[in-house]
Structures are given as C-alpha cells and as structure tokens.
Amino acid sequence: MGTRRGLLAGLLSLCGCATKVEEAAFQPTDGEPVEIAEFGPDGKMTGEKIIPKMLLEPRGWQQRLTPMGYAVLRKKDTEIRFMGKYNKHDATGIYRCAGCAIALFRSTDKYESGTGWPSFTAPIAAVNIYTIEDGSQLEVLCRRCDGHLGHLFPDGPEPTRLRYCINSAALRFAAV
C-alpha cells in the first residue's frame, strides 16, 4: 500500500495535487453515524448526539497518537503491568479516548484492582463503548473510533461486579 501511495503521490505531484492527497490521508474522515453521550469540561452530560465514526489511515493514527497509544488503540497491544501513567492516578475528572476524545470513564468509578492497569466499575455512558468477544474475554472498544481500550471481566467490586481493565495509553485525563 505504501508503494501504491508513493506512486500515486508522485503522479499527482506532476499536476500539483500531491500536497492535498497527503493532507487528506491524515485528516479524520466521516464514517457511519454512531450515537454517543457528550460531556462538558465540568464533567456533566450535555446530551446524546449522533456523530460520524472517526476514520483515519494508519499513518494518520500514528501522527495523532503516541507510539504506545497507536500500539494499544490500533494494534490491540497491551501495556506492561504497573507501567501505565493512570494505574495509580487518583485525580478527579474524566478519562477520555486518546484517539477521538469522547468521554469513557469517570474517576469516581476507578478503583485499585491490583492488576497493574486502571480499572473501572462502569463506563461514563454505555453508548460510548462497546464490547466484542475476544477469545475467552470481552474486548472493550471506543464507539467513535473503534480503538481498543482493554478488556471487561466479571470480577469487579459491587455494585456492578464488573472490571473494565483499561490501558493508560488508550486514555487522556481531563480534570474537572
């Protein structure tokens, strides 16, 4: 694909179009519409909204994310236990998707699971995430950008008994 893109860019440069093609490859494009819950800077829900899925080509994601963020969100990698910056994080606020910035989890739903990854009892809004079967586990993904966040386990504390085990590299924290 890289060779084809290079060839296309080379051919288009003859007509002065290469810059526009290169820029377009790194800009988010609209995908199928999805419903999400939006949250303001104060952490309060502002309403539900239908927005397009965020689509980028791999190089666009690489420019948008850290190397570990790309490995986790786009390649479904996992951080090393106890090494993520939000594992022991305890500030008050909202954890947003590192790929598309939608709200995913509240700090009030975060707890110390002892697993080495940030763990939450519930998402901030069920519509902002989804799960799919991943072998014997449930993979947790971002509704807007389909980014891999982590996994869901049935061994959490009351009241939900759920543990959303999430990679720090998939998150961006916003204090409220």
C-alpha atoms as a PDB file:
ATOM      1  CA  MET A   1       0.000   0.000   0.000  1.00  0.00           C
ATOM      2  CA  GLY A   2       2.896   2.365   0.785  1.00  0.00           C
ATOM      3  CA  THR A   3       4.313   1.811  -2.703  1.00  0.00           C
ATOM      4  CA  ARG A   4       0.926   2.471  -4.314  1.00  0.00           C
ATOM      5  CA  ARG A   5       0.514   5.664  -2.247  1.00  0.00           C
ATOM      6  CA  GLY A   6       4.037   6.765  -3.206  1.00  0.00           C
ATOM      7  CA  LEU A   7       3.325   6.114  -6.872  1.00  0.00           C
ATOM      8  CA  LEU A   8       0.002   7.952  -6.671  1.00  0.00           C
ATOM      9  CA  ALA A   9       1.609  10.897  -4.876  1.00  0.00           C
ATOM     10  CA  GLY A  10       4.383  11.003  -7.481  1.00  0.00           C
ATOM     11  CA  LEU A  11       1.905  11.002 -10.347  1.00  0.00           C
ATOM     12  CA  LEU A  12      -0.251  13.640  -8.704  1.00  0.00           C
ATOM     13  CA  SER A  13       2.755  15.840  -7.977  1.00  0.00           C
ATOM     14  CA  LEU A  14       3.099  16.288 -11.735  1.00  0.00           C
ATOM     15  CA  CYS A  15      -0.203  18.153 -11.670  1.00  0.00           C
ATOM     16  CA  GLY A  16       0.453  19.919  -8.335  1.00  0.00           C
ATOM     17  CA  CYS A  17      -2.043  17.806  -6.387  1.00  0.00           C
ATOM     18  CA  ALA A  18       0.258  15.757  -4.103  1.00  0.00           C
ATOM     19  CA  THR A  19       0.002  18.057  -1.086  1.00  0.00           C
ATOM     20  CA  LYS A  20      -3.777  17.771  -0.993  1.00  0.00           C
ATOM     21  CA  VAL A  21      -3.650  13.971  -1.255  1.00  0.00           C
ATOM     22  CA  GLU A  22      -1.052  13.674   1.532  1.00  0.00           C
ATOM     23  CA  GLU A  23      -3.008  16.002   3.846  1.00  0.00           C
ATOM     24  CA  ALA A  24      -6.241  14.117   3.215  1.00  0.00           C
ATOM     25  CA  ALA A  25      -4.663  10.832   4.341  1.00  0.00           C
ATOM     26  CA  PHE A  26      -4.069  12.255   7.825  1.00  0.00           C
ATOM     27  CA  GLN A  27      -7.351  14.079   8.421  1.00  0.00           C
ATOM     28  CA  PRO A  28     -10.267  12.347  10.148  1.00  0.00           C
ATOM     29  CA  THR A  29     -12.981  11.376   7.732  1.00  0.00           C
ATOM     30  CA  ASP A  30     -16.579  10.601   8.391  1.00  0.00           C
ATOM     31  CA  GLY A  31     -17.763   7.038   8.760  1.00  0.00           C
ATOM     32  CA  GLU A  32     -21.115   5.538   9.628  1.00  0.00           C
ATOM     33  CA  PRO A  33     -23.076   7.530  12.216  1.00  0.00           C
ATOM     34  CA  VAL A  34     -22.891   6.473  15.874  1.00  0.00           C
ATOM     35  CA  GLU A  35     -24.714   7.724  18.950  1.00  0.00           C
ATOM     36  CA  ILE A  36     -22.602   8.943  21.850  1.00  0.00           C
ATOM     37  CA  ALA A  37     -23.175  10.796  25.098  1.00  0.00           C
ATOM     38  CA  GLU A  38     -21.305  14.094  25.266  1.00  0.00           C
ATOM     39  CA  PHE A  39     -19.796  15.538  28.439  1.00  0.00           C
ATOM     40  CA  GLY A  40     -18.672  19.109  29.008  1.00  0.00           C
ATOM     41  CA  PRO A  41     -15.446  20.304  30.662  1.00  0.00           C
ATOM     42  CA  ASP A  42     -17.284  20.276  34.006  1.00  0.00           C
ATOM     43  CA  GLY A  43     -17.908  16.523  33.674  1.00  0.00           C
ATOM     44  CA  LYS A  44     -21.658  16.873  33.261  1.00  0.00           C
ATOM     45  CA  MET A  45     -23.510  15.194  30.435  1.00  0.00           C
ATOM     46  CA  THR A  46     -24.630  17.708  27.836  1.00  0.00           C
ATOM     47  CA  GLY A  47     -26.774  15.242  25.880  1.00  0.00           C
ATOM     48  CA  GLU A  48     -26.673  12.418  23.408  1.00  0.00           C
ATOM     49  CA  LYS A  49     -25.653  13.123  19.852  1.00  0.00           C
ATOM     50  CA  ILE A  50     -25.306  11.241  16.583  1.00  0.00           C
ATOM     51  CA  ILE A  51     -21.881  11.820  15.065  1.00  0.00           C
ATOM     52  CA  PRO A  52     -19.864  10.067  12.351  1.00  0.00           C
ATOM     53  CA  LYS A  53     -17.305   7.420  13.265  1.00  0.00           C
ATOM     54  CA  MET A  54     -13.785   8.768  13.150  1.00  0.00           C
ATOM     55  CA  LEU A  55     -11.751   7.121  10.410  1.00  0.00           C
ATOM     56  CA  LEU A  56      -8.059   7.597   9.707  1.00  0.00           C
ATOM     57  CA  GLU A  57      -5.497   5.717   7.701  1.00  0.00           C
ATOM     58  CA  PRO A  58      -2.681   4.109   9.739  1.00  0.00           C
ATOM     59  CA  ARG A  59      -0.238   6.998   9.171  1.00  0.00           C
ATOM     60  CA  GLY A  60      -2.889   9.436  10.346  1.00  0.00           C
ATOM     61  CA  TRP A  61      -3.337   7.482  13.589  1.00  0.00           C
ATOM     62  CA  GLN A  62       0.443   7.314  14.027  1.00  0.00           C
ATOM     63  CA  GLN A  63       0.650  11.098  13.781  1.00  0.00           C
ATOM     64  CA  ARG A  64      -2.254  11.576  16.208  1.00  0.00           C
ATOM     65  CA  LEU A  65      -1.173   9.060  18.878  1.00  0.00           C
ATOM     66  CA  THR A  66       1.939   8.255  20.884  1.00  0.00           C
ATOM     67  CA  PRO A  67       3.747   5.093  19.747  1.00  0.00           C
ATOM     68  CA  MET A  68       2.256   3.156  22.696  1.00  0.00           C
ATOM     69  CA  GLY A  69      -1.164   4.724  22.077  1.00  0.00           C
ATOM     70  CA  TYR A  70      -1.014   3.523  18.478  1.00  0.00           C
ATOM     71  CA  ALA A  71       0.075   0.031  19.549  1.00  0.00           C
ATOM     72  CA  VAL A  72      -2.795  -0.215  22.039  1.00  0.00           C
ATOM     73  CA  LEU A  73      -5.653   1.572  20.251  1.00  0.00           C
ATOM     74  CA  ARG A  74      -4.970   0.451  16.686  1.00  0.00           C
ATOM     75  CA  LYS A  75      -2.962  -2.803  17.046  1.00  0.00           C
ATOM     76  CA  LYS A  76      -4.703  -4.138  20.205  1.00  0.00           C
ATOM     77  CA  ASP A  77      -1.462  -4.340  22.156  1.00  0.00           C
ATOM     78  CA  THR A  78      -1.320  -4.258  25.965  1.00  0.00           C
ATOM     79  CA  GLU A  79       0.852  -2.079  28.179  1.00  0.00           C
ATOM     80  CA  ILE A  80       3.271  -3.630  30.637  1.00  0.00           C
ATOM     81  CA  ARG A  81       1.615  -4.111  34.023  1.00  0.00           C
ATOM     82  CA  PHE A  82       2.053  -1.284  36.541  1.00  0.00           C
ATOM     83  CA  MET A  83       3.772   0.931  33.920  1.00  0.00           C
ATOM     84  CA  GLY A  84       0.822   2.987  32.620  1.00  0.00           C
ATOM     85  CA  LYS A  85       0.578   6.569  33.822  1.00  0.00           C
ATOM     86  CA  TYR A  86      -3.023   6.189  35.039  1.00  0.00           C
ATOM     87  CA  ASN A  87      -2.543   2.967  37.023  1.00  0.00           C
ATOM     88  CA  LYS A  88      -2.089   4.817  40.360  1.00  0.00           C
ATOM     89  CA  HIS A  89      -3.741   8.052  39.204  1.00  0.00           C
ATOM     90  CA  ASP A  90      -6.339   9.402  41.628  1.00  0.00           C
ATOM     91  CA  ALA A  91      -7.272  12.930  40.488  1.00  0.00           C
ATOM     92  CA  THR A  92     -10.918  13.892  39.991  1.00  0.00           C
ATOM     93  CA  GLY A  93     -12.093  14.081  36.400  1.00  0.00           C
ATOM     94  CA  ILE A  94     -12.952  12.215  33.231  1.00  0.00           C
ATOM     95  CA  TYR A  95     -10.891   9.754  31.230  1.00  0.00           C
ATOM     96  CA  ARG A  96     -11.371  10.344  27.501  1.00  0.00           C
ATOM     97  CA  CYS A  97     -10.341   8.308  24.479  1.00  0.00           C
ATOM     98  CA  ALA A  98      -6.794   9.150  23.382  1.00  0.00           C
ATOM     99  CA  GLY A  99      -7.873   8.611  19.777  1.00  0.00           C
ATOM    100  CA  CYS A 100     -11.036  10.688  19.452  1.00  0.00           C
ATOM    101  CA  ALA A 101     -11.569  12.413  22.835  1.00  0.00           C
ATOM    102  CA  ILE A 102     -15.025  11.092  23.705  1.00  0.00           C
ATOM    103  CA  ALA A 103     -15.664  10.591  27.409  1.00  0.00           C
ATOM    104  CA  LEU A 104     -15.203   6.992  28.559  1.00  0.00           C
ATOM    105  CA  PHE A 105     -14.876   6.739  32.354  1.00  0.00           C
ATOM    106  CA  ARG A 106     -15.276   8.874  35.493  1.00  0.00           C
ATOM    107  CA  SER A 107     -12.577   8.948  38.148  1.00  0.00           C
ATOM    108  CA  THR A 108     -15.297   8.145  40.706  1.00  0.00           C
ATOM    109  CA  ASP A 109     -15.729   4.726  39.037  1.00  0.00           C
ATOM    110  CA  LYS A 110     -11.975   3.975  39.131  1.00  0.00           C
ATOM    111  CA  TYR A 111     -10.635   1.605  41.755  1.00  0.00           C
ATOM    112  CA  GLU A 112      -7.433  -0.201  42.658  1.00  0.00           C
ATOM    113  CA  SER A 113      -7.800  -3.732  41.310  1.00  0.00           C
ATOM    114  CA  GLY A 114      -4.189  -4.755  41.947  1.00  0.00           C
ATOM    115  CA  THR A 115      -3.873  -5.919  38.327  1.00  0.00           C
ATOM    116  CA  GLY A 116      -1.474  -3.172  37.193  1.00  0.00           C
ATOM    117  CA  TRP A 117      -3.918  -1.425  34.861  1.00  0.00           C
ATOM    118  CA  PRO A 118      -6.518   1.269  35.518  1.00  0.00           C
ATOM    119  CA  SER A 119      -9.774  -0.439  36.450  1.00  0.00           C
ATOM    120  CA  PHE A 120     -13.292   0.951  36.431  1.00  0.00           C
ATOM    121  CA  THR A 121     -16.635  -0.428  37.614  1.00  0.00           C
ATOM    122  CA  ALA A 122     -18.635   1.194  34.791  1.00  0.00           C
ATOM    123  CA  PRO A 123     -18.268   3.424  31.735  1.00  0.00           C
ATOM    124  CA  ILE A 124     -19.365   7.048  31.950  1.00  0.00           C
ATOM    125  CA  ALA A 125     -22.093   6.219  29.394  1.00  0.00           C
ATOM    126  CA  ALA A 126     -22.828   2.772  27.996  1.00  0.00           C
ATOM    127  CA  VAL A 127     -23.301   4.185  24.482  1.00  0.00           C
ATOM    128  CA  ASN A 128     -19.698   5.462  24.371  1.00  0.00           C
ATOM    129  CA  ILE A 129     -18.165   1.991  24.386  1.00  0.00           C
ATOM    130  CA  TYR A 130     -18.946  -1.472  23.095  1.00  0.00           C
ATOM    131  CA  THR A 131     -17.611  -4.958  23.639  1.00  0.00           C
ATOM    132  CA  ILE A 132     -16.863  -7.875  21.352  1.00  0.00           C
ATOM    133  CA  GLU A 133     -15.775 -11.427  22.116  1.00  0.00           C
ATOM    134  CA  ASP A 134     -12.014 -11.809  22.031  1.00  0.00           C
ATOM    135  CA  GLY A 135     -11.371 -15.496  22.626  1.00  0.00           C
ATOM    136  CA  SER A 136     -12.421 -16.134  26.211  1.00  0.00           C
ATOM    137  CA  GLN A 137     -12.536 -12.407  27.070  1.00  0.00           C
ATOM    138  CA  LEU A 138     -14.661  -9.399  26.180  1.00  0.00           C
ATOM    139  CA  GLU A 139     -12.693  -6.673  24.407  1.00  0.00           C
ATOM    140  CA  VAL A 140     -13.720  -3.080  25.218  1.00  0.00           C
ATOM    141  CA  LEU A 141     -13.659  -0.622  22.310  1.00  0.00           C
ATOM    142  CA  CYS A 142     -14.385   3.071  21.790  1.00  0.00           C
ATOM    143  CA  ARG A 143     -17.690   3.629  19.975  1.00  0.00           C
ATOM    144  CA  ARG A 144     -16.425   6.632  17.961  1.00  0.00           C
ATOM    145  CA  CYS A 145     -13.034   5.457  16.667  1.00  0.00           C
ATOM    146  CA  ASP A 146     -13.170   1.668  17.269  1.00  0.00           C
ATOM    147  CA  GLY A 147      -9.985   1.978  19.337  1.00  0.00           C
ATOM    148  CA  HIS A 148      -9.044  -0.984  21.549  1.00  0.00           C
ATOM    149  CA  LEU A 149      -9.244   0.143  25.173  1.00  0.00           C
ATOM    150  CA  GLY A 150      -8.788  -3.067  27.145  1.00  0.00           C
ATOM    151  CA  HIS A 151     -10.987  -5.897  28.432  1.00  0.00           C
ATOM    152  CA  LEU A 152     -14.053  -6.458  30.603  1.00  0.00           C
ATOM    153  CA  PHE A 153     -14.061  -9.039  33.391  1.00  0.00           C
ATOM    154  CA  PRO A 154     -16.821 -10.210  35.774  1.00  0.00           C
ATOM    155  CA  ASP A 155     -14.612  -9.981  38.887  1.00  0.00           C
ATOM    156  CA  GLY A 156     -15.029  -6.369  39.972  1.00  0.00           C
ATOM    157  CA  PRO A 157     -16.468  -4.910  43.178  1.00  0.00           C
ATOM    158  CA  GLU A 158     -20.090  -4.202  43.971  1.00  0.00           C
ATOM    159  CA  PRO A 159     -22.385  -2.796  42.768  1.00  0.00           C
ATOM    160  CA  THR A 160     -21.633  -3.856  39.167  1.00  0.00           C
ATOM    161  CA  ARG A 161     -19.244  -6.790  39.814  1.00  0.00           C
ATOM    162  CA  LEU A 162     -17.545  -5.640  36.581  1.00  0.00           C
ATOM    163  CA  ARG A 163     -13.909  -4.702  35.988  1.00  0.00           C
ATOM    164  CA  TYR A 164     -13.167  -2.599  32.933  1.00  0.00           C
ATOM    165  CA  CYS A 165      -9.411  -3.205  32.700  1.00  0.00           C
ATOM    166  CA  ILE A 166      -8.158  -0.348  30.505  1.00  0.00           C
ATOM    167  CA  ASN A 167      -4.733   0.568  29.099  1.00  0.00           C
ATOM    168  CA  SER A 168      -3.470   4.005  30.185  1.00  0.00           C
ATOM    169  CA  ALA A 169      -2.198   4.669  26.629  1.00  0.00           C
ATOM    170  CA  ALA A 170      -5.798   4.479  25.386  1.00  0.00           C
ATOM    171  CA  LEU A 171      -6.822   7.318  27.713  1.00  0.00           C
ATOM    172  CA  ARG A 172      -6.382  11.073  28.192  1.00  0.00           C
ATOM    173  CA  PHE A 173      -7.360  12.547  31.548  1.00  0.00           C
ATOM    174  CA  ALA A 174      -9.286  15.789  31.892  1.00  0.00           C
ATOM    175  CA  ALA A 175      -9.590  17.251  35.408  1.00  0.00           C
ATOM    176  CA  VAL A 176     -12.969  18.646  36.454  1.00  0.00           C
END
